[in-house]
Amino acid sequence: MELKVAEYSDYERIATLHAESWKKFYYGILGKDFLENDVQEERSAIWQTRLINPPFNQHVVILEEGGLLCGFICAFGNHDFEKGTIIDALHIDPAYRGRGLGVQLLSEMAKWIAQYFPDKGVYLEVMKDNKQAVEFYDHLGGKCDLERLWNAPCGNQVPELVYTWSSGQELLDSVAGNIKSESVTA
């Protein structure tokens, strides 16, 4: 597996994985018509925009194996004055799930956050009904600070949870502790 910073040429692969992930895990949460007809185009526009001229505080890391995209993570440093850096997206190809890639990508991002935004918190937003993601962030020691409604691109208002860590270092420590505990029990 190879970790690398995403480039503009990666936007189509990232958009496709993002769209496919939403189709698989957000069915019944996001609108059916949006997922079946519009999500690919909408995610392509988002990722092309993000990678054509990335803002200084954006960091996107991809994980590849043999040239195939296995997963990606995206964060915006110091995105919110109170909460700090947002982890905006984390998606793993279904064929590679259960191999610790999400933890690996979070660890890499936590290092970046700790280096460049050390005195700020970290947060992410997850759809409340996305049970596997909620369990994942609970397991990684995220503190669920807030429940609110998200105005999704399909037009629905979707309940979401906001998970926080006090810093990139706290997230990194949580992820490292998770890796160690898994290796002990494996």
C-alpha atoms as a PDB file:
ATOM      1  CA  MET A   1       0.000   0.000   0.000  1.00  0.00           C
ATOM      2  CA  GLU A   2       1.198   3.473  -0.841  1.00  0.00           C
ATOM      3  CA  LEU A   3       0.077   6.677   0.894  1.00  0.00           C
ATOM      4  CA  LYS A   4       0.357   9.881  -1.094  1.00  0.00           C
ATOM      5  CA  VAL A   5      -1.035  13.388  -1.285  1.00  0.00           C
ATOM      6  CA  ALA A   6      -3.815  13.622  -3.856  1.00  0.00           C
ATOM      7  CA  GLU A   7      -3.215  15.532  -7.072  1.00  0.00           C
ATOM      8  CA  TYR A   8      -5.606  17.014  -9.593  1.00  0.00           C
ATOM      9  CA  SER A   9      -5.287  13.884 -11.750  1.00  0.00           C
ATOM     10  CA  ASP A  10      -6.836  11.865  -8.880  1.00  0.00           C
ATOM     11  CA  TYR A  11     -10.128  13.769  -8.740  1.00  0.00           C
ATOM     12  CA  GLU A  12     -12.152  11.363 -10.917  1.00  0.00           C
ATOM     13  CA  ARG A  13     -11.080   8.292  -8.912  1.00  0.00           C
ATOM     14  CA  ILE A  14     -11.783  10.059  -5.619  1.00  0.00           C
ATOM     15  CA  ALA A  15     -15.184  11.280  -6.853  1.00  0.00           C
ATOM     16  CA  THR A  16     -16.128   7.795  -8.038  1.00  0.00           C
ATOM     17  CA  LEU A  17     -15.153   6.158  -4.731  1.00  0.00           C
ATOM     18  CA  HIS A  18     -16.970   8.903  -2.816  1.00  0.00           C
ATOM     19  CA  ALA A  19     -20.138   8.495  -4.902  1.00  0.00           C
ATOM     20  CA  GLU A  20     -20.076   4.693  -4.694  1.00  0.00           C
ATOM     21  CA  SER A  21     -19.587   4.889  -0.931  1.00  0.00           C
ATOM     22  CA  TRP A  22     -22.582   7.190  -0.572  1.00  0.00           C
ATOM     23  CA  LYS A  23     -24.689   4.869  -2.753  1.00  0.00           C
ATOM     24  CA  LYS A  24     -23.772   1.885  -0.606  1.00  0.00           C
ATOM     25  CA  PHE A  25     -23.900   3.355   2.889  1.00  0.00           C
ATOM     26  CA  TYR A  26     -26.331   6.277   2.587  1.00  0.00           C
ATOM     27  CA  TYR A  27     -29.180   4.487   0.819  1.00  0.00           C
ATOM     28  CA  GLY A  28     -32.271   5.221   2.884  1.00  0.00           C
ATOM     29  CA  ILE A  29     -30.525   8.263   4.400  1.00  0.00           C
ATOM     30  CA  LEU A  30     -30.053  10.431   1.306  1.00  0.00           C
ATOM     31  CA  GLY A  31     -32.668  10.707  -1.431  1.00  0.00           C
ATOM     32  CA  LYS A  32     -32.967   7.705  -3.748  1.00  0.00           C
ATOM     33  CA  ASP A  33     -33.219   9.838  -6.911  1.00  0.00           C
ATOM     34  CA  PHE A  34     -30.085  11.792  -5.950  1.00  0.00           C
ATOM     35  CA  LEU A  35     -28.101   8.600  -5.246  1.00  0.00           C
ATOM     36  CA  GLU A  36     -29.232   6.896  -8.448  1.00  0.00           C
ATOM     37  CA  ASN A  37     -28.936   9.860 -10.824  1.00  0.00           C
ATOM     38  CA  ASP A  38     -26.953  12.798  -9.489  1.00  0.00           C
ATOM     39  CA  VAL A  39     -24.379  11.791  -6.898  1.00  0.00           C
ATOM     40  CA  GLN A  40     -21.567  10.957  -9.351  1.00  0.00           C
ATOM     41  CA  GLU A  41     -21.815  14.278 -11.173  1.00  0.00           C
ATOM     42  CA  GLU A  42     -22.156  16.217  -7.907  1.00  0.00           C
ATOM     43  CA  ARG A  43     -19.123  14.521  -6.306  1.00  0.00           C
ATOM     44  CA  SER A  44     -17.089  14.989  -9.530  1.00  0.00           C
ATOM     45  CA  ALA A  45     -17.755  18.726  -9.463  1.00  0.00           C
ATOM     46  CA  ILE A  46     -16.797  18.895  -5.768  1.00  0.00           C
ATOM     47  CA  TRP A  47     -13.520  16.991  -6.196  1.00  0.00           C
ATOM     48  CA  GLN A  48     -12.495  18.710  -9.408  1.00  0.00           C
ATOM     49  CA  THR A  49     -12.995  22.059  -7.671  1.00  0.00           C
ATOM     50  CA  ARG A  50     -11.124  20.950  -4.554  1.00  0.00           C
ATOM     51  CA  LEU A  51      -8.109  19.626  -6.423  1.00  0.00           C
ATOM     52  CA  ILE A  52      -7.733  22.097  -9.289  1.00  0.00           C
ATOM     53  CA  ASN A  53      -6.570  24.894  -6.996  1.00  0.00           C
ATOM     54  CA  PRO A  54      -6.591  23.614  -3.410  1.00  0.00           C
ATOM     55  CA  PRO A  55      -6.755  26.087  -0.534  1.00  0.00           C
ATOM     56  CA  PHE A  56      -3.680  26.219   1.719  1.00  0.00           C
ATOM     57  CA  ASN A  57      -5.539  24.519   4.580  1.00  0.00           C
ATOM     58  CA  GLN A  58      -6.812  21.534   2.553  1.00  0.00           C
ATOM     59  CA  HIS A  59      -5.059  18.177   2.812  1.00  0.00           C
ATOM     60  CA  VAL A  60      -6.178  15.112   0.854  1.00  0.00           C
ATOM     61  CA  VAL A  61      -4.361  11.806   1.237  1.00  0.00           C
ATOM     62  CA  ILE A  62      -5.038   8.716  -0.848  1.00  0.00           C
ATOM     63  CA  LEU A  63      -4.086   5.099  -0.275  1.00  0.00           C
ATOM     64  CA  GLU A  64      -3.316   2.984  -3.328  1.00  0.00           C
ATOM     65  CA  GLU A  65      -2.411  -0.616  -4.028  1.00  0.00           C
ATOM     66  CA  GLY A  66      -1.077  -1.462  -7.467  1.00  0.00           C
ATOM     67  CA  GLY A  67      -2.421   1.816  -8.832  1.00  0.00           C
ATOM     68  CA  LEU A  68      -5.934   1.155  -7.514  1.00  0.00           C
ATOM     69  CA  LEU A  69      -7.502   3.687  -5.139  1.00  0.00           C
ATOM     70  CA  CYS A  70      -8.270   1.908  -1.864  1.00  0.00           C
ATOM     71  CA  GLY A  71      -9.327   4.921   0.191  1.00  0.00           C
ATOM     72  CA  PHE A  72      -8.942   8.623   0.840  1.00  0.00           C
ATOM     73  CA  ILE A  73      -9.264  11.240   3.550  1.00  0.00           C
ATOM     74  CA  CYS A  74      -9.748  14.997   3.297  1.00  0.00           C
ATOM     75  CA  ALA A  75      -9.385  17.680   5.968  1.00  0.00           C
ATOM     76  CA  PHE A  76      -9.479  21.462   6.155  1.00  0.00           C
ATOM     77  CA  GLY A  77      -7.177  22.866   8.813  1.00  0.00           C
ATOM     78  CA  ASN A  78      -8.608  25.390  11.262  1.00  0.00           C
ATOM     79  CA  HIS A  79     -11.913  25.305   9.363  1.00  0.00           C
ATOM     80  CA  ASP A  80     -14.025  26.418  12.326  1.00  0.00           C
ATOM     81  CA  PHE A  81     -12.949  29.059  14.841  1.00  0.00           C
ATOM     82  CA  GLU A  82     -14.308  27.082  17.804  1.00  0.00           C
ATOM     83  CA  LYS A  83     -13.959  23.435  16.729  1.00  0.00           C
ATOM     84  CA  GLY A  84     -10.755  23.663  14.651  1.00  0.00           C
ATOM     85  CA  THR A  85      -9.885  21.309  11.795  1.00  0.00           C
ATOM     86  CA  ILE A  86     -12.639  19.380  10.043  1.00  0.00           C
ATOM     87  CA  ILE A  87     -12.116  15.907   8.671  1.00  0.00           C
ATOM     88  CA  ASP A  88     -14.478  16.347   5.778  1.00  0.00           C
ATOM     89  CA  ALA A  89     -14.366  12.904   4.184  1.00  0.00           C
ATOM     90  CA  LEU A  90     -13.010   9.427   4.867  1.00  0.00           C
ATOM     91  CA  HIS A  91     -13.985   6.625   2.490  1.00  0.00           C
ATOM     92  CA  ILE A  92     -12.595   3.141   1.896  1.00  0.00           C
ATOM     93  CA  ASP A  93     -13.333   0.977  -1.146  1.00  0.00           C
ATOM     94  CA  PRO A  94     -15.652  -1.846   0.033  1.00  0.00           C
ATOM     95  CA  ALA A  95     -13.159  -4.447  -1.271  1.00  0.00           C
ATOM     96  CA  TYR A  96     -10.575  -3.106   1.217  1.00  0.00           C
ATOM     97  CA  ARG A  97     -12.785  -2.526   4.270  1.00  0.00           C
ATOM     98  CA  GLY A  98     -11.900  -4.272   7.507  1.00  0.00           C
ATOM     99  CA  ARG A  99      -8.143  -4.057   6.897  1.00  0.00           C
ATOM    100  CA  GLY A 100      -7.431  -1.023   9.094  1.00  0.00           C
ATOM    101  CA  LEU A 101      -7.132   1.413   6.196  1.00  0.00           C
ATOM    102  CA  GLY A 102      -9.470   3.942   7.789  1.00  0.00           C
ATOM    103  CA  VAL A 103      -7.326   3.951  10.921  1.00  0.00           C
ATOM    104  CA  GLN A 104      -4.183   4.274   8.782  1.00  0.00           C
ATOM    105  CA  LEU A 105      -5.599   7.277   6.904  1.00  0.00           C
ATOM    106  CA  LEU A 106      -6.815   8.900  10.128  1.00  0.00           C
ATOM    107  CA  SER A 107      -3.366   8.429  11.652  1.00  0.00           C
ATOM    108  CA  GLU A 108      -1.725  10.110   8.678  1.00  0.00           C
ATOM    109  CA  MET A 109      -4.185  13.001   8.809  1.00  0.00           C
ATOM    110  CA  ALA A 110      -3.805  13.374  12.579  1.00  0.00           C
ATOM    111  CA  LYS A 111      -0.028  13.782  12.080  1.00  0.00           C
ATOM    112  CA  TRP A 112      -0.643  16.577   9.567  1.00  0.00           C
ATOM    113  CA  ILE A 113      -3.139  18.289  11.877  1.00  0.00           C
ATOM    114  CA  ALA A 114      -0.797  17.993  14.883  1.00  0.00           C
ATOM    115  CA  GLN A 115       2.048  19.493  12.853  1.00  0.00           C
ATOM    116  CA  TYR A 116       0.247  22.406  11.192  1.00  0.00           C
ATOM    117  CA  PHE A 117      -2.658  23.159  13.556  1.00  0.00           C
ATOM    118  CA  PRO A 118      -1.359  21.940  16.955  1.00  0.00           C
ATOM    119  CA  ASP A 119      -3.371  24.261  19.181  1.00  0.00           C
ATOM    120  CA  LYS A 120      -6.785  23.610  17.675  1.00  0.00           C
ATOM    121  CA  GLY A 121      -9.352  20.844  17.972  1.00  0.00           C
ATOM    122  CA  VAL A 122     -10.432  18.313  15.371  1.00  0.00           C
ATOM    123  CA  TYR A 123     -13.986  17.458  14.415  1.00  0.00           C
ATOM    124  CA  LEU A 124     -16.028  15.560  11.879  1.00  0.00           C
ATOM    125  CA  GLU A 125     -19.668  15.236  10.997  1.00  0.00           C
ATOM    126  CA  VAL A 126     -21.312  11.857  10.505  1.00  0.00           C
ATOM    127  CA  MET A 127     -24.861  10.994   9.590  1.00  0.00           C
ATOM    128  CA  LYS A 128     -26.632   9.687  12.682  1.00  0.00           C
ATOM    129  CA  ASP A 129     -28.081   6.713  10.790  1.00  0.00           C
ATOM    130  CA  ASN A 130     -24.658   5.700   9.423  1.00  0.00           C
ATOM    131  CA  LYS A 131     -24.282   3.162  12.224  1.00  0.00           C
ATOM    132  CA  GLN A 132     -20.971   1.642  11.101  1.00  0.00           C
ATOM    133  CA  ALA A 133     -19.332   5.091  10.995  1.00  0.00           C
ATOM    134  CA  VAL A 134     -20.808   6.100  14.366  1.00  0.00           C
ATOM    135  CA  GLU A 135     -19.425   2.887  15.924  1.00  0.00           C
ATOM    136  CA  PHE A 136     -16.023   3.515  14.296  1.00  0.00           C
ATOM    137  CA  TYR A 137     -15.690   7.041  15.720  1.00  0.00           C
ATOM    138  CA  ASP A 138     -17.004   5.933  19.127  1.00  0.00           C
ATOM    139  CA  HIS A 139     -14.341   3.210  19.117  1.00  0.00           C
ATOM    140  CA  LEU A 140     -11.661   5.819  18.316  1.00  0.00           C
ATOM    141  CA  GLY A 141     -12.562   7.911  21.334  1.00  0.00           C
ATOM    142  CA  GLY A 142     -14.410  10.680  19.537  1.00  0.00           C
ATOM    143  CA  LYS A 143     -16.687  12.716  21.771  1.00  0.00           C
ATOM    144  CA  CYS A 144     -20.145  13.243  20.296  1.00  0.00           C
ATOM    145  CA  ASP A 145     -20.686  16.920  21.145  1.00  0.00           C
ATOM    146  CA  LEU A 146     -23.663  17.867  19.040  1.00  0.00           C
ATOM    147  CA  GLU A 147     -26.602  16.556  17.050  1.00  0.00           C
ATOM    148  CA  ARG A 148     -28.027  18.781  14.335  1.00  0.00           C
ATOM    149  CA  LEU A 149     -29.639  18.709  10.894  1.00  0.00           C
ATOM    150  CA  TRP A 150     -27.514  18.751   7.740  1.00  0.00           C
ATOM    151  CA  ASN A 151     -28.934  20.216   4.529  1.00  0.00           C
ATOM    152  CA  ALA A 152     -27.829  17.376   2.237  1.00  0.00           C
ATOM    153  CA  PRO A 153     -27.207  17.956  -1.494  1.00  0.00           C
ATOM    154  CA  CYS A 154     -30.292  15.857  -2.280  1.00  0.00           C
ATOM    155  CA  GLY A 155     -32.491  18.429  -0.535  1.00  0.00           C
ATOM    156  CA  ASN A 156     -33.154  16.314   2.574  1.00  0.00           C
ATOM    157  CA  GLN A 157     -32.437  17.458   6.083  1.00  0.00           C
ATOM    158  CA  VAL A 158     -30.426  14.629   7.624  1.00  0.00           C
ATOM    159  CA  PRO A 159     -29.652  14.216  11.335  1.00  0.00           C
ATOM    160  CA  GLU A 160     -25.903  14.320  11.863  1.00  0.00           C
ATOM    161  CA  LEU A 161     -23.588  13.933  14.824  1.00  0.00           C
ATOM    162  CA  VAL A 162     -20.498  16.052  15.400  1.00  0.00           C
ATOM    163  CA  TYR A 163     -17.539  14.167  16.901  1.00  0.00           C
ATOM    164  CA  THR A 164     -14.593  16.043  18.390  1.00  0.00           C
ATOM    165  CA  TRP A 165     -11.065  15.532  19.683  1.00  0.00           C
ATOM    166  CA  SER A 166      -9.240  18.295  21.572  1.00  0.00           C
ATOM    167  CA  SER A 167      -6.298  18.263  19.137  1.00  0.00           C
ATOM    168  CA  GLY A 168      -4.619  16.420  16.299  1.00  0.00           C
ATOM    169  CA  GLN A 169      -2.343  14.856  18.907  1.00  0.00           C
ATOM    170  CA  GLU A 170      -5.325  13.520  20.878  1.00  0.00           C
ATOM    171  CA  LEU A 171      -6.715  11.981  17.683  1.00  0.00           C
ATOM    172  CA  LEU A 172      -3.295  10.545  16.857  1.00  0.00           C
ATOM    173  CA  ASP A 173      -3.012   9.065  20.362  1.00  0.00           C
ATOM    174  CA  SER A 174      -6.526   7.572  20.081  1.00  0.00           C
ATOM    175  CA  VAL A 175      -5.722   6.024  16.725  1.00  0.00           C
ATOM    176  CA  ALA A 176      -2.332   4.729  17.954  1.00  0.00           C
ATOM    177  CA  GLY A 177      -4.011   3.207  21.012  1.00  0.00           C
ATOM    178  CA  ASN A 178      -6.535   1.515  18.748  1.00  0.00           C
ATOM    179  CA  ILE A 179      -3.771   0.067  16.553  1.00  0.00           C
ATOM    180  CA  LYS A 180      -1.908  -1.275  19.603  1.00  0.00           C
ATOM    181  CA  SER A 181      -5.028  -2.817  21.158  1.00  0.00           C
ATOM    182  CA  GLU A 182      -5.952  -4.505  17.869  1.00  0.00           C
ATOM    183  CA  SER A 183      -2.458  -5.972  17.488  1.00  0.00           C
ATOM    184  CA  VAL A 184      -2.607  -7.355  21.033  1.00  0.00           C
ATOM    185  CA  THR A 185      -5.974  -9.024  20.457  1.00  0.00           C
ATOM    186  CA  ALA A 186      -5.175 -10.299  16.958  1.00  0.00           C
END
